[in-house]
PDB file of N, CA and C in Angstrom:
ATOM      1  N   MET A   1       0.843  -1.189   0.019  1.00  0.00           N
ATOM      2  CA  MET A   1      -0.013   0.008  -0.029  1.00  0.00           C
ATOM      3  C   MET A   1       0.818   1.240   0.007  1.00  0.00           C
ATOM      4  N   SER A   2       1.949   1.221   0.757  1.00  0.00           N
ATOM      5  CA  SER A   2       2.779   2.442   0.817  1.00  0.00           C
ATOM      6  C   SER A   2       3.497   2.678  -0.476  1.00  0.00           C
ATOM      7  N   LEU A   3       3.927   1.650  -1.215  1.00  0.00           N
ATOM      8  CA  LEU A   3       4.535   1.790  -2.494  1.00  0.00           C
ATOM      9  C   LEU A   3       3.547   2.493  -3.504  1.00  0.00           C
ATOM     10  N   GLU A   4       2.297   2.161  -3.455  1.00  0.00           N
ATOM     11  CA  GLU A   4       1.327   2.676  -4.344  1.00  0.00           C
ATOM     12  C   GLU A   4       1.183   4.151  -4.084  1.00  0.00           C
ATOM     13  N   SER A   5       1.036   4.578  -2.828  1.00  0.00           N
ATOM     14  CA  SER A   5       0.932   5.984  -2.525  1.00  0.00           C
ATOM     15  C   SER A   5       2.184   6.771  -2.868  1.00  0.00           C
ATOM     16  N   ASP A   6       3.347   6.152  -2.708  1.00  0.00           N
ATOM     17  CA  ASP A   6       4.600   6.776  -3.033  1.00  0.00           C
ATOM     18  C   ASP A   6       4.677   6.994  -4.627  1.00  0.00           C
ATOM     19  N   GLY A   7       4.162   6.023  -5.351  1.00  0.00           N
ATOM     20  CA  GLY A   7       4.115   6.181  -6.765  1.00  0.00           C
ATOM     21  C   GLY A   7       3.244   7.341  -7.252  1.00  0.00           C
ATOM     22  N   LYS A   8       2.093   7.445  -6.591  1.00  0.00           N
ATOM     23  CA  LYS A   8       1.143   8.514  -6.962  1.00  0.00           C
ATOM     24  C   LYS A   8       1.801   9.908  -6.611  1.00  0.00           C
ATOM     25  N   ALA A   9       2.426   9.946  -5.450  1.00  0.00           N
ATOM     26  CA  ALA A   9       3.109  11.216  -5.078  1.00  0.00           C
ATOM     27  C   ALA A   9       4.236  11.527  -6.045  1.00  0.00           C
ATOM     28  N   ALA A  10       4.991  10.530  -6.457  1.00  0.00           N
ATOM     29  CA  ALA A  10       6.079  10.838  -7.413  1.00  0.00           C
ATOM     30  C   ALA A  10       5.504  11.241  -8.765  1.00  0.00           C
ATOM     31  N   PHE A  11       4.382  10.645  -9.157  1.00  0.00           N
ATOM     32  CA  PHE A  11       3.797  11.054 -10.431  1.00  0.00           C
ATOM     33  C   PHE A  11       3.280  12.539 -10.330  1.00  0.00           C
ATOM     34  N   ALA A  12       2.656  12.866  -9.184  1.00  0.00           N
ATOM     35  CA  ALA A  12       2.171  14.247  -8.991  1.00  0.00           C
ATOM     36  C   ALA A  12       3.346  15.214  -8.994  1.00  0.00           C
ATOM     37  N   ASP A  13       4.422  14.804  -8.347  1.00  0.00           N
ATOM     38  CA  ASP A  13       5.630  15.671  -8.361  1.00  0.00           C
ATOM     39  C   ASP A  13       6.158  15.882  -9.771  1.00  0.00           C
ATOM     40  N   GLN A  14       6.217  14.803 -10.524  1.00  0.00           N
ATOM     41  CA  GLN A  14       6.720  14.837 -11.878  1.00  0.00           C
ATOM     42  C   GLN A  14       5.800  15.733 -12.729  1.00  0.00           C
ATOM     43  N   SER A  15       4.487  15.647 -12.596  1.00  0.00           N
ATOM     44  CA  SER A  15       3.577  16.468 -13.327  1.00  0.00           C
ATOM     45  C   SER A  15       3.752  17.939 -12.989  1.00  0.00           C
ATOM     46  N   ALA A  16       4.002  18.218 -11.681  1.00  0.00           N
ATOM     47  CA  ALA A  16       4.147  19.609 -11.293  1.00  0.00           C
ATOM     48  C   ALA A  16       5.459  20.132 -11.861  1.00  0.00           C
ATOM     49  N   VAL A  17       6.555  19.358 -11.913  1.00  0.00           N
ATOM     50  CA  VAL A  17       7.840  19.835 -12.471  1.00  0.00           C
ATOM     51  C   VAL A  17       7.638  20.085 -13.981  1.00  0.00           C
ATOM     52  N   ARG A  18       6.925  19.165 -14.668  1.00  0.00           N
ATOM     53  CA  ARG A  18       6.752  19.383 -16.137  1.00  0.00           C
ATOM     54  C   ARG A  18       5.890  20.617 -16.371  1.00  0.00           C
ATOM     55  N   ALA A  19       4.918  20.892 -15.581  1.00  0.00           N
ATOM     56  CA  ALA A  19       4.095  22.030 -15.723  1.00  0.00           C
ATOM     57  C   ALA A  19       4.953  23.350 -15.536  1.00  0.00           C
ATOM     58  N   ALA A  20       5.881  23.261 -14.584  1.00  0.00           N
ATOM     59  CA  ALA A  20       6.740  24.410 -14.335  1.00  0.00           C
ATOM     60  C   ALA A  20       7.692  24.584 -15.533  1.00  0.00           C
ATOM     61  N   ILE A  21       8.180  23.520 -16.071  1.00  0.00           N
ATOM     62  CA  ILE A  21       9.080  23.643 -17.315  1.00  0.00           C
ATOM     63  C   ILE A  21       8.248  24.243 -18.427  1.00  0.00           C
ATOM     64  N   ARG A  22       6.943  23.801 -18.603  1.00  0.00           N
ATOM     65  CA  ARG A  22       6.148  24.411 -19.654  1.00  0.00           C
ATOM     66  C   ARG A  22       5.969  25.882 -19.448  1.00  0.00           C
ATOM     67  N   ARG A  23       5.746  26.325 -18.278  1.00  0.00           N
ATOM     68  CA  ARG A  23       5.538  27.752 -17.952  1.00  0.00           C
ATOM     69  C   ARG A  23       6.875  28.505 -18.232  1.00  0.00           C
ATOM     70  N   ARG A  24       8.002  27.947 -17.849  1.00  0.00           N
ATOM     71  CA  ARG A  24       9.247  28.627 -18.148  1.00  0.00           C
ATOM     72  C   ARG A  24       9.540  28.715 -19.648  1.00  0.00           C
ATOM     73  N   ALA A  25       9.194  27.563 -20.274  1.00  0.00           N
ATOM     74  CA  ALA A  25       9.380  27.560 -21.818  1.00  0.00           C
ATOM     75  C   ALA A  25       8.510  28.586 -22.495  1.00  0.00           C
ATOM     76  N   LYS A  26       7.318  28.719 -22.062  1.00  0.00           N
ATOM     77  CA  LYS A  26       6.375  29.674 -22.648  1.00  0.00           C
ATOM     78  C   LYS A  26       6.906  31.099 -22.392  1.00  0.00           C
ATOM     79  N   ALA A  27       7.417  31.384 -21.230  1.00  0.00           N
ATOM     80  CA  ALA A  27       7.996  32.691 -20.933  1.00  0.00           C
ATOM     81  C   ALA A  27       9.195  32.944 -21.809  1.00  0.00           C
ATOM     82  N   PHE A  28      10.048  31.940 -21.934  1.00  0.00           N
ATOM     83  CA  PHE A  28      11.292  32.013 -22.769  1.00  0.00           C
ATOM     84  C   PHE A  28      10.862  32.337 -24.137  1.00  0.00           C
ATOM     85  N   ILE A  29       9.942  31.617 -24.703  1.00  0.00           N
ATOM     86  CA  ILE A  29       9.493  31.773 -26.099  1.00  0.00           C
ATOM     87  C   ILE A  29       8.908  33.155 -26.290  1.00  0.00           C
ATOM     88  N   ASP A  30       8.083  33.591 -25.377  1.00  0.00           N
ATOM     89  CA  ASP A  30       7.527  34.997 -25.537  1.00  0.00           C
ATOM     90  C   ASP A  30       8.588  36.018 -25.518  1.00  0.00           C
ATOM     91  N   GLY A  31       9.612  35.823 -24.731  1.00  0.00           N
ATOM     92  CA  GLY A  31      10.756  36.768 -24.648  1.00  0.00           C
ATOM     93  C   GLY A  31      11.704  36.759 -25.804  1.00  0.00           C
ATOM     94  N   HIS A  32      11.681  35.646 -26.551  1.00  0.00           N
ATOM     95  CA  HIS A  32      12.626  35.459 -27.623  1.00  0.00           C
ATOM     96  C   HIS A  32      11.994  35.158 -29.028  1.00  0.00           C
ATOM     97  N   CYS A  33      10.653  35.284 -29.175  1.00  0.00           N
ATOM     98  CA  CYS A  33       9.971  34.899 -30.353  1.00  0.00           C
ATOM     99  C   CYS A  33      10.403  35.751 -31.540  1.00  0.00           C
ATOM    100  N   GLN A  34      11.060  36.886 -31.380  1.00  0.00           N
ATOM    101  CA  GLN A  34      11.455  37.735 -32.427  1.00  0.00           C
ATOM    102  C   GLN A  34      12.693  37.194 -33.158  1.00  0.00           C
ATOM    103  N   ARG A  35      13.403  36.255 -32.460  1.00  0.00           N
ATOM    104  CA  ARG A  35      14.601  35.666 -33.102  1.00  0.00           C
ATOM    105  C   ARG A  35      14.233  34.766 -34.178  1.00  0.00           C
ATOM    106  N   PRO A  36      14.700  34.933 -35.379  1.00  0.00           N
ATOM    107  CA  PRO A  36      14.416  34.071 -36.452  1.00  0.00           C
ATOM    108  C   PRO A  36      14.953  32.651 -36.320  1.00  0.00           C
ATOM    109  N   ASP A  37      15.956  32.478 -35.530  1.00  0.00           N
ATOM    110  CA  ASP A  37      16.532  31.146 -35.326  1.00  0.00           C
ATOM    111  C   ASP A  37      15.948  30.399 -34.087  1.00  0.00           C
ATOM    112  N   LEU A  38      14.908  30.923 -33.511  1.00  0.00           N
ATOM    113  CA  LEU A  38      14.303  30.272 -32.348  1.00  0.00           C
ATOM    114  C   LEU A  38      13.666  28.965 -32.747  1.00  0.00           C
ATOM    115  N   ARG A  39      14.146  27.889 -32.166  1.00  0.00           N
ATOM    116  CA  ARG A  39      13.664  26.518 -32.459  1.00  0.00           C
ATOM    117  C   ARG A  39      13.531  25.847 -31.091  1.00  0.00           C
ATOM    118  N   PRO A  40      12.954  24.705 -31.053  1.00  0.00           N
ATOM    119  CA  PRO A  40      12.857  23.964 -29.769  1.00  0.00           C
ATOM    120  C   PRO A  40      14.238  23.691 -29.155  1.00  0.00           C
ATOM    121  N   GLU A  41      15.288  23.441 -29.985  1.00  0.00           N
ATOM    122  CA  GLU A  41      16.578  23.268 -29.504  1.00  0.00           C
ATOM    123  C   GLU A  41      17.113  24.446 -28.666  1.00  0.00           C
ATOM    124  N   ALA A  42      16.789  25.671 -29.132  1.00  0.00           N
ATOM    125  CA  ALA A  42      17.226  26.901 -28.453  1.00  0.00           C
ATOM    126  C   ALA A  42      16.499  27.054 -27.138  1.00  0.00           C
ATOM    127  N   VAL A  43      15.224  26.640 -27.150  1.00  0.00           N
ATOM    128  CA  VAL A  43      14.391  26.789 -25.941  1.00  0.00           C
ATOM    129  C   VAL A  43      14.977  25.855 -24.897  1.00  0.00           C
ATOM    130  N   ALA A  44      15.202  24.542 -25.275  1.00  0.00           N
ATOM    131  CA  ALA A  44      15.750  23.607 -24.333  1.00  0.00           C
ATOM    132  C   ALA A  44      17.100  24.085 -23.816  1.00  0.00           C
ATOM    133  N   SER A  45      17.940  24.569 -24.700  1.00  0.00           N
ATOM    134  CA  SER A  45      19.250  25.082 -24.250  1.00  0.00           C
ATOM    135  C   SER A  45      19.062  26.236 -23.239  1.00  0.00           C
ATOM    136  N   GLY A  46      18.172  27.163 -23.620  1.00  0.00           N
ATOM    137  CA  GLY A  46      17.946  28.295 -22.690  1.00  0.00           C
ATOM    138  C   GLY A  46      17.412  27.889 -21.320  1.00  0.00           C
ATOM    139  N   LEU A  47      16.677  26.757 -21.291  1.00  0.00           N
ATOM    140  CA  LEU A  47      16.142  26.247 -19.987  1.00  0.00           C
ATOM    141  C   LEU A  47      17.047  25.311 -19.335  1.00  0.00           C
ATOM    142  N   LYS A  48      18.132  24.952 -19.944  1.00  0.00           N
ATOM    143  CA  LYS A  48      19.118  23.956 -19.408  1.00  0.00           C
ATOM    144  C   LYS A  48      18.467  22.616 -19.211  1.00  0.00           C
ATOM    145  N   VAL A  49      17.621  22.172 -20.206  1.00  0.00           N
ATOM    146  CA  VAL A  49      17.076  20.841 -20.172  1.00  0.00           C
ATOM    147  C   VAL A  49      17.357  20.171 -21.529  1.00  0.00           C
ATOM    148  N   SER A  50      17.182  18.889 -21.645  1.00  0.00           N
ATOM    149  CA  SER A  50      17.359  18.221 -22.906  1.00  0.00           C
ATOM    150  C   SER A  50      16.209  18.522 -23.829  1.00  0.00           C
ATOM    151  N   LEU A  51      16.457  18.398 -25.100  1.00  0.00           N
ATOM    152  CA  LEU A  51      15.356  18.576 -26.064  1.00  0.00           C
ATOM    153  C   LEU A  51      14.304  17.551 -25.897  1.00  0.00           C
ATOM    154  N   ARG A  52      14.657  16.247 -25.691  1.00  0.00           N
ATOM    155  CA  ARG A  52      13.709  15.221 -25.450  1.00  0.00           C
ATOM    156  C   ARG A  52      12.840  15.529 -24.234  1.00  0.00           C
ATOM    157  N   TYR A  53      13.405  16.037 -23.097  1.00  0.00           N
ATOM    158  CA  TYR A  53      12.624  16.305 -21.835  1.00  0.00           C
ATOM    159  C   TYR A  53      11.693  17.456 -22.109  1.00  0.00           C
ATOM    160  N   LEU A  54      12.147  18.480 -22.896  1.00  0.00           N
ATOM    161  CA  LEU A  54      11.275  19.597 -23.218  1.00  0.00           C
ATOM    162  C   LEU A  54      10.045  19.073 -23.938  1.00  0.00           C
ATOM    163  N   HIS A  55      10.268  18.193 -24.946  1.00  0.00           N
ATOM    164  CA  HIS A  55       9.127  17.662 -25.747  1.00  0.00           C
ATOM    165  C   HIS A  55       8.238  16.803 -24.779  1.00  0.00           C
ATOM    166  N   GLN A  56       8.829  16.026 -23.856  1.00  0.00           N
ATOM    167  CA  GLN A  56       8.081  15.277 -22.933  1.00  0.00           C
ATOM    168  C   GLN A  56       7.154  16.163 -22.024  1.00  0.00           C
ATOM    169  N   CYS A  57       7.673  17.304 -21.634  1.00  0.00           N
ATOM    170  CA  CYS A  57       6.940  18.221 -20.894  1.00  0.00           C
ATOM    171  C   CYS A  57       5.736  18.799 -21.609  1.00  0.00           C
ATOM    172  N   PHE A  58       5.814  18.871 -22.874  1.00  0.00           N
ATOM    173  CA  PHE A  58       4.747  19.390 -23.684  1.00  0.00           C
ATOM    174  C   PHE A  58       3.683  18.290 -24.164  1.00  0.00           C
ATOM    175  N   GLU A  59       4.000  17.039 -23.858  1.00  0.00           N
ATOM    176  CA  GLU A  59       3.155  15.951 -24.352  1.00  0.00           C
ATOM    177  C   GLU A  59       1.741  16.129 -23.902  1.00  0.00           C
ATOM    178  N   SER A  60       1.546  16.587 -22.685  1.00  0.00           N
ATOM    179  CA  SER A  60       0.139  16.684 -22.109  1.00  0.00           C
ATOM    180  C   SER A  60      -0.470  18.093 -22.339  1.00  0.00           C
ATOM    181  N   ALA A  61       0.261  18.977 -22.988  1.00  0.00           N
ATOM    182  CA  ALA A  61      -0.146  20.335 -23.257  1.00  0.00           C
ATOM    183  C   ALA A  61      -1.027  20.375 -24.563  1.00  0.00           C
ATOM    184  N   GLU A  62      -1.683  21.485 -24.733  1.00  0.00           N
ATOM    185  CA  GLU A  62      -2.503  21.647 -25.948  1.00  0.00           C
ATOM    186  C   GLU A  62      -1.608  21.803 -27.192  1.00  0.00           C
ATOM    187  N   LEU A  63      -0.458  22.522 -27.070  1.00  0.00           N
ATOM    188  CA  LEU A  63       0.389  22.813 -28.193  1.00  0.00           C
ATOM    189  C   LEU A  63       1.760  22.166 -27.996  1.00  0.00           C
ATOM    190  N   THR A  64       2.387  21.859 -29.143  1.00  0.00           N
ATOM    191  CA  THR A  64       3.788  21.425 -29.087  1.00  0.00           C
ATOM    192  C   THR A  64       4.697  22.647 -28.861  1.00  0.00           C
ATOM    193  N   VAL A  65       5.925  22.385 -28.701  1.00  0.00           N
ATOM    194  CA  VAL A  65       6.849  23.526 -28.515  1.00  0.00           C
ATOM    195  C   VAL A  65       6.854  24.371 -29.777  1.00  0.00           C
ATOM    196  N   MET A  66       6.983  23.784 -30.898  1.00  0.00           N
ATOM    197  CA  MET A  66       7.005  24.557 -32.160  1.00  0.00           C
ATOM    198  C   MET A  66       5.704  25.296 -32.477  1.00  0.00           C
ATOM    199  N   GLN A  67       4.558  24.739 -32.081  1.00  0.00           N
ATOM    200  CA  GLN A  67       3.291  25.433 -32.175  1.00  0.00           C
ATOM    201  C   GLN A  67       3.183  26.670 -31.214  1.00  0.00           C
ATOM    202  N   GLN A  68       3.826  26.505 -30.030  1.00  0.00           N
ATOM    203  CA  GLN A  68       3.912  27.546 -29.136  1.00  0.00           C
ATOM    204  C   GLN A  68       4.757  28.748 -29.697  1.00  0.00           C
ATOM    205  N   ILE A  69       5.867  28.385 -30.272  1.00  0.00           N
ATOM    206  CA  ILE A  69       6.723  29.422 -30.906  1.00  0.00           C
ATOM    207  C   ILE A  69       5.936  30.100 -32.045  1.00  0.00           C
ATOM    208  N   ARG A  70       5.288  29.351 -32.897  1.00  0.00           N
ATOM    209  CA  ARG A  70       4.467  29.923 -33.966  1.00  0.00           C
ATOM    210  C   ARG A  70       3.411  30.871 -33.422  1.00  0.00           C
ATOM    211  N   ASP A  71       2.679  30.440 -32.459  1.00  0.00           N
ATOM    212  CA  ASP A  71       1.642  31.225 -31.861  1.00  0.00           C
ATOM    213  C   ASP A  71       2.155  32.589 -31.255  1.00  0.00           C
ATOM    214  N   ALA A  72       3.354  32.498 -30.616  1.00  0.00           N
ATOM    215  CA  ALA A  72       3.886  33.639 -30.064  1.00  0.00           C
ATOM    216  C   ALA A  72       4.299  34.673 -31.086  1.00  0.00           C
ATOM    217  N   ARG A  73       4.874  34.102 -32.183  1.00  0.00           N
ATOM    218  CA  ARG A  73       5.253  34.977 -33.365  1.00  0.00           C
ATOM    219  C   ARG A  73       4.009  35.639 -33.962  1.00  0.00           C
ATOM    220  N   LEU A  74       2.951  34.883 -34.121  1.00  0.00           N
ATOM    221  CA  LEU A  74       1.711  35.467 -34.710  1.00  0.00           C
ATOM    222  C   LEU A  74       1.107  36.549 -33.769  1.00  0.00           C
ATOM    223  N   GLU A  75       1.080  36.269 -32.488  1.00  0.00           N
ATOM    224  CA  GLU A  75       0.537  37.280 -31.558  1.00  0.00           C
ATOM    225  C   GLU A  75       1.343  38.489 -31.609  1.00  0.00           C
ATOM    226  N   ARG A  76       2.697  38.351 -31.707  1.00  0.00           N
ATOM    227  CA  ARG A  76       3.544  39.541 -31.801  1.00  0.00           C
ATOM    228  C   ARG A  76       3.366  40.275 -33.063  1.00  0.00           C
ATOM    229  N   ALA A  77       3.152  39.589 -34.144  1.00  0.00           N
ATOM    230  CA  ALA A  77       2.893  40.197 -35.525  1.00  0.00           C
ATOM    231  C   ALA A  77       1.614  41.038 -35.539  1.00  0.00           C
ATOM    232  N   PHE A  78       0.562  40.478 -34.838  1.00  0.00           N
ATOM    233  CA  PHE A  78      -0.710  41.195 -34.882  1.00  0.00           C
ATOM    234  C   PHE A  78      -0.876  42.251 -33.768  1.00  0.00           C
ATOM    235  N   ALA A  79       0.123  42.339 -32.897  1.00  0.00           N
ATOM    236  CA  ALA A  79       0.000  43.368 -31.813  1.00  0.00           C
ATOM    237  C   ALA A  79       0.461  44.671 -32.307  1.00  0.00           C
TER     238      ALA A  79
END
């Protein structure tokens, strides 16, 4: 029983960490979307995480990393 509750707590912690990475990534993208070379690799590097982990953090999100970059650029263009 204890192992099961520990597993749920670890999953909740992991979800919270991934949500925090998504928030940091969105803030990074918003601050750098004017850069023509902004790609998921640059976002991962800026956040000091691997590209794979960045993509994993966005798996449960509505948008992928590249879609987030595209949307930030469009919002900036229409502002």
